[in-house]
């Protein structure tokens, strides 16, 4: 069953799959940097009122699933 969200005049379910890739896919996202990137992404989501549904950090890219209101 879908979990529709609503505003005053609309019901919606917008989910986006975002992949962040560093230049040339260098394997730089590991160790301490991986934790710092996670904190920064969570902070940005709070500021922009975006729900972070899921996120995975790999050595050379980051996958995010975001729920963003229309």
PDB file of N, CA and C in Angstrom:
ATOM      1  N   UNK A   1       0.834  -1.178   0.000  1.00  0.00           N
ATOM      2  CA  UNK A   1       0.000   0.000   0.000  1.00  0.00           C
ATOM      3  C   UNK A   1       0.884   1.249   0.000  1.00  0.00           C
ATOM      4  N   UNK A   2       0.514   2.229  -0.754  1.00  0.00           N
ATOM      5  CA  UNK A   2       1.293   3.457  -0.862  1.00  0.00           C
ATOM      6  C   UNK A   2       1.039   4.365   0.325  1.00  0.00           C
ATOM      7  N   UNK A   3       2.058   5.096   0.679  1.00  0.00           N
ATOM      8  CA  UNK A   3       1.943   6.080   1.748  1.00  0.00           C
ATOM      9  C   UNK A   3       1.923   7.466   1.122  1.00  0.00           C
ATOM     10  N   UNK A   4       0.754   7.928   0.732  1.00  0.00           N
ATOM     11  CA  UNK A   4       0.615   9.237   0.119  1.00  0.00           C
ATOM     12  C   UNK A   4       0.790  10.314   1.174  1.00  0.00           C
ATOM     13  N   UNK A   5       1.455  11.382   0.808  1.00  0.00           N
ATOM     14  CA  UNK A   5       1.565  12.548   1.672  1.00  0.00           C
ATOM     15  C   UNK A   5       0.683  13.621   1.068  1.00  0.00           C
ATOM     16  N   UNK A   6       0.277  14.578   1.881  1.00  0.00           N
ATOM     17  CA  UNK A   6      -0.645  15.570   1.336  1.00  0.00           C
ATOM     18  C   UNK A   6      -0.292  16.971   1.822  1.00  0.00           C
ATOM     19  N   UNK A   7      -0.653  17.920   0.973  1.00  0.00           N
ATOM     20  CA  UNK A   7      -0.611  19.336   1.301  1.00  0.00           C
ATOM     21  C   UNK A   7      -2.048  19.836   1.218  1.00  0.00           C
ATOM     22  N   UNK A   8      -2.268  21.128   1.209  1.00  0.00           N
ATOM     23  CA  UNK A   8      -3.617  21.677   1.241  1.00  0.00           C
ATOM     24  C   UNK A   8      -4.477  21.218   0.059  1.00  0.00           C
ATOM     25  N   UNK A   9      -3.904  21.078  -1.128  1.00  0.00           N
ATOM     26  CA  UNK A   9      -4.703  20.803  -2.312  1.00  0.00           C
ATOM     27  C   UNK A   9      -4.169  19.633  -3.147  1.00  0.00           C
ATOM     28  N   UNK A  10      -3.247  18.864  -2.618  1.00  0.00           N
ATOM     29  CA  UNK A  10      -2.649  17.816  -3.444  1.00  0.00           C
ATOM     30  C   UNK A  10      -2.193  16.639  -2.580  1.00  0.00           C
ATOM     31  N   UNK A  11      -2.286  15.446  -3.132  1.00  0.00           N
ATOM     32  CA  UNK A  11      -1.690  14.261  -2.525  1.00  0.00           C
ATOM     33  C   UNK A  11      -0.538  13.853  -3.426  1.00  0.00           C
ATOM     34  N   UNK A  12       0.581  13.426  -2.841  1.00  0.00           N
ATOM     35  CA  UNK A  12       1.753  13.166  -3.655  1.00  0.00           C
ATOM     36  C   UNK A  12       2.625  12.074  -3.057  1.00  0.00           C
ATOM     37  N   UNK A  13       3.419  11.483  -3.927  1.00  0.00           N
ATOM     38  CA  UNK A  13       4.452  10.519  -3.544  1.00  0.00           C
ATOM     39  C   UNK A  13       5.580  10.654  -4.563  1.00  0.00           C
ATOM     40  N   UNK A  14       6.529  11.528  -4.278  1.00  0.00           N
ATOM     41  CA  UNK A  14       7.652  11.782  -5.177  1.00  0.00           C
ATOM     42  C   UNK A  14       8.921  11.237  -4.533  1.00  0.00           C
ATOM     43  N   UNK A  15       9.522  10.248  -5.165  1.00  0.00           N
ATOM     44  CA  UNK A  15      10.774   9.687  -4.672  1.00  0.00           C
ATOM     45  C   UNK A  15      11.795   9.745  -5.791  1.00  0.00           C
ATOM     46  N   UNK A  16      13.015  10.126  -5.445  1.00  0.00           N
ATOM     47  CA  UNK A  16      14.077  10.281  -6.428  1.00  0.00           C
ATOM     48  C   UNK A  16      15.285   9.445  -6.021  1.00  0.00           C
ATOM     49  N   UNK A  17      15.900   8.797  -6.996  1.00  0.00           N
ATOM     50  CA  UNK A  17      17.138   8.057  -6.781  1.00  0.00           C
ATOM     51  C   UNK A  17      18.264   8.936  -7.304  1.00  0.00           C
ATOM     52  N   UNK A  18      19.139   9.376  -6.404  1.00  0.00           N
ATOM     53  CA  UNK A  18      20.220  10.291  -6.751  1.00  0.00           C
ATOM     54  C   UNK A  18      21.547   9.571  -6.527  1.00  0.00           C
ATOM     55  N   UNK A  19      22.443   9.666  -7.499  1.00  0.00           N
ATOM     56  CA  UNK A  19      23.780   9.083  -7.376  1.00  0.00           C
ATOM     57  C   UNK A  19      24.794  10.218  -7.471  1.00  0.00           C
ATOM     58  N   UNK A  20      25.649  10.336  -6.454  1.00  0.00           N
ATOM     59  CA  UNK A  20      26.701  11.348  -6.426  1.00  0.00           C
ATOM     60  C   UNK A  20      28.015  10.647  -6.733  1.00  0.00           C
ATOM     61  N   UNK A  21      28.704  11.108  -7.783  1.00  0.00           N
ATOM     62  CA  UNK A  21      29.934  10.459  -8.239  1.00  0.00           C
ATOM     63  C   UNK A  21      31.047  11.501  -8.304  1.00  0.00           C
ATOM     64  N   UNK A  22      32.199  11.248  -7.647  1.00  0.00           N
ATOM     65  CA  UNK A  22      33.315  12.182  -7.769  1.00  0.00           C
ATOM     66  C   UNK A  22      33.948  12.093  -9.166  1.00  0.00           C
ATOM     67  N   UNK A  23      34.694  13.104  -9.518  1.00  0.00           N
ATOM     68  CA  UNK A  23      35.322  13.151 -10.832  1.00  0.00           C
ATOM     69  C   UNK A  23      36.201  11.926 -11.055  1.00  0.00           C
ATOM     70  N   UNK A  24      36.072  11.309 -12.195  1.00  0.00           N
ATOM     71  CA  UNK A  24      36.818  10.118 -12.614  1.00  0.00           C
ATOM     72  C   UNK A  24      36.569   8.900 -11.716  1.00  0.00           C
ATOM     73  N   UNK A  25      35.511   8.935 -10.895  1.00  0.00           N
ATOM     74  CA  UNK A  25      35.152   7.831  -9.993  1.00  0.00           C
ATOM     75  C   UNK A  25      36.342   7.350  -9.162  1.00  0.00           C
ATOM     76  N   UNK A  26      37.131   8.275  -8.682  1.00  0.00           N
ATOM     77  CA  UNK A  26      38.242   7.912  -7.801  1.00  0.00           C
ATOM     78  C   UNK A  26      37.681   7.387  -6.482  1.00  0.00           C
ATOM     79  N   UNK A  27      38.312   6.391  -5.916  1.00  0.00           N
ATOM     80  CA  UNK A  27      37.848   5.760  -4.687  1.00  0.00           C
ATOM     81  C   UNK A  27      38.311   6.579  -3.475  1.00  0.00           C
ATOM     82  N   UNK A  28      37.597   7.675  -3.211  1.00  0.00           N
ATOM     83  CA  UNK A  28      37.985   8.579  -2.131  1.00  0.00           C
ATOM     84  C   UNK A  28      36.958   8.616  -0.995  1.00  0.00           C
ATOM     85  N   UNK A  29      35.815   7.977  -1.142  1.00  0.00           N
ATOM     86  CA  UNK A  29      34.754   8.052  -0.138  1.00  0.00           C
ATOM     87  C   UNK A  29      34.825   6.864   0.815  1.00  0.00           C
ATOM     88  N   UNK A  30      35.812   6.833   1.670  1.00  0.00           N
ATOM     89  CA  UNK A  30      35.936   5.761   2.648  1.00  0.00           C
ATOM     90  C   UNK A  30      36.557   6.302   3.925  1.00  0.00           C
ATOM     91  N   UNK A  31      36.468   5.543   4.997  1.00  0.00           N
ATOM     92  CA  UNK A  31      37.063   5.954   6.269  1.00  0.00           C
ATOM     93  C   UNK A  31      36.371   7.147   6.886  1.00  0.00           C
ATOM     94  N   UNK A  32      37.155   8.074   7.395  1.00  0.00           N
ATOM     95  CA  UNK A  32      36.627   9.252   8.082  1.00  0.00           C
ATOM     96  C   UNK A  32      35.796  10.127   7.137  1.00  0.00           C
ATOM     97  N   UNK A  33      36.227  10.234   5.899  1.00  0.00           N
ATOM     98  CA  UNK A  33      35.507  11.063   4.927  1.00  0.00           C
ATOM     99  C   UNK A  33      34.093  10.546   4.704  1.00  0.00           C
ATOM    100  N   UNK A  34      33.906   9.237   4.712  1.00  0.00           N
ATOM    101  CA  UNK A  34      32.586   8.632   4.509  1.00  0.00           C
ATOM    102  C   UNK A  34      31.614   9.094   5.598  1.00  0.00           C
ATOM    103  N   UNK A  35      32.062   9.108   6.859  1.00  0.00           N
ATOM    104  CA  UNK A  35      31.208   9.568   7.956  1.00  0.00           C
ATOM    105  C   UNK A  35      30.883  11.047   7.859  1.00  0.00           C
ATOM    106  N   UNK A  36      31.867  11.841   7.468  1.00  0.00           N
ATOM    107  CA  UNK A  36      31.644  13.285   7.333  1.00  0.00           C
ATOM    108  C   UNK A  36      30.655  13.595   6.211  1.00  0.00           C
ATOM    109  N   UNK A  37      30.768  12.877   5.101  1.00  0.00           N
ATOM    110  CA  UNK A  37      29.844  13.092   3.987  1.00  0.00           C
ATOM    111  C   UNK A  37      28.421  12.752   4.416  1.00  0.00           C
ATOM    112  N   UNK A  38      28.257  11.681   5.182  1.00  0.00           N
ATOM    113  CA  UNK A  38      26.930  11.302   5.687  1.00  0.00           C
ATOM    114  C   UNK A  38      26.317  12.387   6.551  1.00  0.00           C
ATOM    115  N   UNK A  39      27.117  12.967   7.446  1.00  0.00           N
ATOM    116  CA  UNK A  39      26.620  14.052   8.306  1.00  0.00           C
ATOM    117  C   UNK A  39      26.201  15.260   7.480  1.00  0.00           C
ATOM    118  N   UNK A  40      26.998  15.599   6.469  1.00  0.00           N
ATOM    119  CA  UNK A  40      26.700  16.758   5.622  1.00  0.00           C
ATOM    120  C   UNK A  40      25.406  16.536   4.843  1.00  0.00           C
ATOM    121  N   UNK A  41      25.230  15.337   4.296  1.00  0.00           N
ATOM    122  CA  UNK A  41      24.012  15.045   3.524  1.00  0.00           C
ATOM    123  C   UNK A  41      22.783  15.098   4.424  1.00  0.00           C
ATOM    124  N   UNK A  42      22.846  14.535   5.630  1.00  0.00           N
ATOM    125  CA  UNK A  42      21.711  14.592   6.556  1.00  0.00           C
ATOM    126  C   UNK A  42      21.383  16.033   6.943  1.00  0.00           C
ATOM    127  N   UNK A  43      22.412  16.852   7.152  1.00  0.00           N
ATOM    128  CA  UNK A  43      22.204  18.253   7.508  1.00  0.00           C
ATOM    129  C   UNK A  43      21.530  19.013   6.351  1.00  0.00           C
ATOM    130  N   UNK A  44      21.983  18.777   5.125  1.00  0.00           N
ATOM    131  CA  UNK A  44      21.370  19.433   3.970  1.00  0.00           C
ATOM    132  C   UNK A  44      19.913  19.022   3.799  1.00  0.00           C
ATOM    133  N   UNK A  45      19.616  17.752   4.037  1.00  0.00           N
ATOM    134  CA  UNK A  45      18.227  17.284   3.930  1.00  0.00           C
ATOM    135  C   UNK A  45      17.344  17.970   4.962  1.00  0.00           C
ATOM    136  N   UNK A  46      17.833  18.131   6.189  1.00  0.00           N
ATOM    137  CA  UNK A  46      17.054  18.833   7.210  1.00  0.00           C
ATOM    138  C   UNK A  46      16.817  20.280   6.806  1.00  0.00           C
ATOM    139  N   UNK A  47      17.835  20.961   6.282  1.00  0.00           N
ATOM    140  CA  UNK A  47      17.702  22.363   5.889  1.00  0.00           C
ATOM    141  C   UNK A  47      16.679  22.541   4.778  1.00  0.00           C
ATOM    142  N   UNK A  48      16.679  21.623   3.811  1.00  0.00           N
ATOM    143  CA  UNK A  48      15.793  21.741   2.653  1.00  0.00           C
ATOM    144  C   UNK A  48      14.450  21.042   2.848  1.00  0.00           C
ATOM    145  N   UNK A  49      14.213  20.472   4.049  1.00  0.00           N
ATOM    146  CA  UNK A  49      12.979  19.749   4.369  1.00  0.00           C
ATOM    147  C   UNK A  49      12.730  18.600   3.403  1.00  0.00           C
ATOM    148  N   UNK A  50      13.794  17.848   3.139  1.00  0.00           N
ATOM    149  CA  UNK A  50      13.748  16.677   2.275  1.00  0.00           C
ATOM    150  C   UNK A  50      13.900  15.451   3.159  1.00  0.00           C
ATOM    151  N   UNK A  51      13.095  14.416   2.896  1.00  0.00           N
ATOM    152  CA  UNK A  51      13.200  13.192   3.680  1.00  0.00           C
ATOM    153  C   UNK A  51      14.205  12.250   3.027  1.00  0.00           C
ATOM    154  N   UNK A  52      15.218  11.879   3.767  1.00  0.00           N
ATOM    155  CA  UNK A  52      16.214  10.915   3.297  1.00  0.00           C
ATOM    156  C   UNK A  52      15.690   9.529   3.646  1.00  0.00           C
ATOM    157  N   UNK A  53      15.218   8.793   2.636  1.00  0.00           N
ATOM    158  CA  UNK A  53      14.640   7.478   2.859  1.00  0.00           C
ATOM    159  C   UNK A  53      15.727   6.427   3.010  1.00  0.00           C
ATOM    160  N   UNK A  54      16.717   6.480   2.138  1.00  0.00           N
ATOM    161  CA  UNK A  54      17.779   5.482   2.153  1.00  0.00           C
ATOM    162  C   UNK A  54      19.053   6.083   1.578  1.00  0.00           C
ATOM    163  N   UNK A  55      20.185   5.653   2.077  1.00  0.00           N
ATOM    164  CA  UNK A  55      21.456   6.129   1.556  1.00  0.00           C
ATOM    165  C   UNK A  55      22.550   5.093   1.754  1.00  0.00           C
ATOM    166  N   UNK A  56      23.382   4.912   0.746  1.00  0.00           N
ATOM    167  CA  UNK A  56      24.493   3.971   0.806  1.00  0.00           C
ATOM    168  C   UNK A  56      25.738   4.657   0.250  1.00  0.00           C
ATOM    169  N   UNK A  57      26.837   4.589   1.008  1.00  0.00           N
ATOM    170  CA  UNK A  57      28.096   5.160   0.555  1.00  0.00           C
ATOM    171  C   UNK A  57      29.018   4.033   0.110  1.00  0.00           C
ATOM    172  N   UNK A  58      29.416   4.055  -1.130  1.00  0.00           N
ATOM    173  CA  UNK A  58      30.376   3.107  -1.689  1.00  0.00           C
ATOM    174  C   UNK A  58      31.721   3.818  -1.792  1.00  0.00           C
ATOM    175  N   UNK A  59      32.826   3.097  -2.035  1.00  0.00           N
ATOM    176  CA  UNK A  59      34.133   3.764  -2.124  1.00  0.00           C
ATOM    177  C   UNK A  59      34.221   4.828  -3.224  1.00  0.00           C
ATOM    178  N   UNK A  60      33.427   4.682  -4.303  1.00  0.00           N
ATOM    179  CA  UNK A  60      33.554   5.637  -5.410  1.00  0.00           C
ATOM    180  C   UNK A  60      32.248   6.331  -5.789  1.00  0.00           C
ATOM    181  N   UNK A  61      31.169   6.167  -5.023  1.00  0.00           N
ATOM    182  CA  UNK A  61      29.925   6.885  -5.284  1.00  0.00           C
ATOM    183  C   UNK A  61      28.977   6.751  -4.098  1.00  0.00           C
ATOM    184  N   UNK A  62      27.900   7.562  -4.100  1.00  0.00           N
ATOM    185  CA  UNK A  62      26.904   7.547  -3.039  1.00  0.00           C
ATOM    186  C   UNK A  62      25.527   7.413  -3.684  1.00  0.00           C
ATOM    187  N   UNK A  63      24.703   6.502  -3.161  1.00  0.00           N
ATOM    188  CA  UNK A  63      23.315   6.342  -3.605  1.00  0.00           C
ATOM    189  C   UNK A  63      22.399   6.941  -2.548  1.00  0.00           C
ATOM    190  N   UNK A  64      21.425   7.730  -2.982  1.00  0.00           N
ATOM    191  CA  UNK A  64      20.433   8.318  -2.087  1.00  0.00           C
ATOM    192  C   UNK A  64      19.043   8.100  -2.661  1.00  0.00           C
ATOM    193  N   UNK A  65      18.084   7.809  -1.802  1.00  0.00           N
ATOM    194  CA  UNK A  65      16.676   7.794  -2.190  1.00  0.00           C
ATOM    195  C   UNK A  65      16.020   8.895  -1.352  1.00  0.00           C
ATOM    196  N   UNK A  66      15.476   9.895  -2.041  1.00  0.00           N
ATOM    197  CA  UNK A  66      14.939  11.088  -1.386  1.00  0.00           C
ATOM    198  C   UNK A  66      13.459  11.233  -1.682  1.00  0.00           C
ATOM    199  N   UNK A  67      12.709  11.710  -0.703  1.00  0.00           N
ATOM    200  CA  UNK A  67      11.305  12.066  -0.896  1.00  0.00           C
ATOM    201  C   UNK A  67      11.223  13.582  -0.805  1.00  0.00           C
ATOM    202  N   UNK A  68      10.863  14.189  -1.935  1.00  0.00           N
ATOM    203  CA  UNK A  68      10.873  15.648  -2.046  1.00  0.00           C
ATOM    204  C   UNK A  68       9.454  16.121  -2.391  1.00  0.00           C
ATOM    205  N   UNK A  69       8.900  17.064  -1.614  1.00  0.00           N
ATOM    206  CA  UNK A  69       7.563  17.562  -1.951  1.00  0.00           C
ATOM    207  C   UNK A  69       7.545  18.318  -3.277  1.00  0.00           C
ATOM    208  N   UNK A  70       6.415  18.288  -3.962  1.00  0.00           N
ATOM    209  CA  UNK A  70       6.330  18.978  -5.259  1.00  0.00           C
ATOM    210  C   UNK A  70       6.417  20.496  -5.117  1.00  0.00           C
TER     211      UNK A  70
END
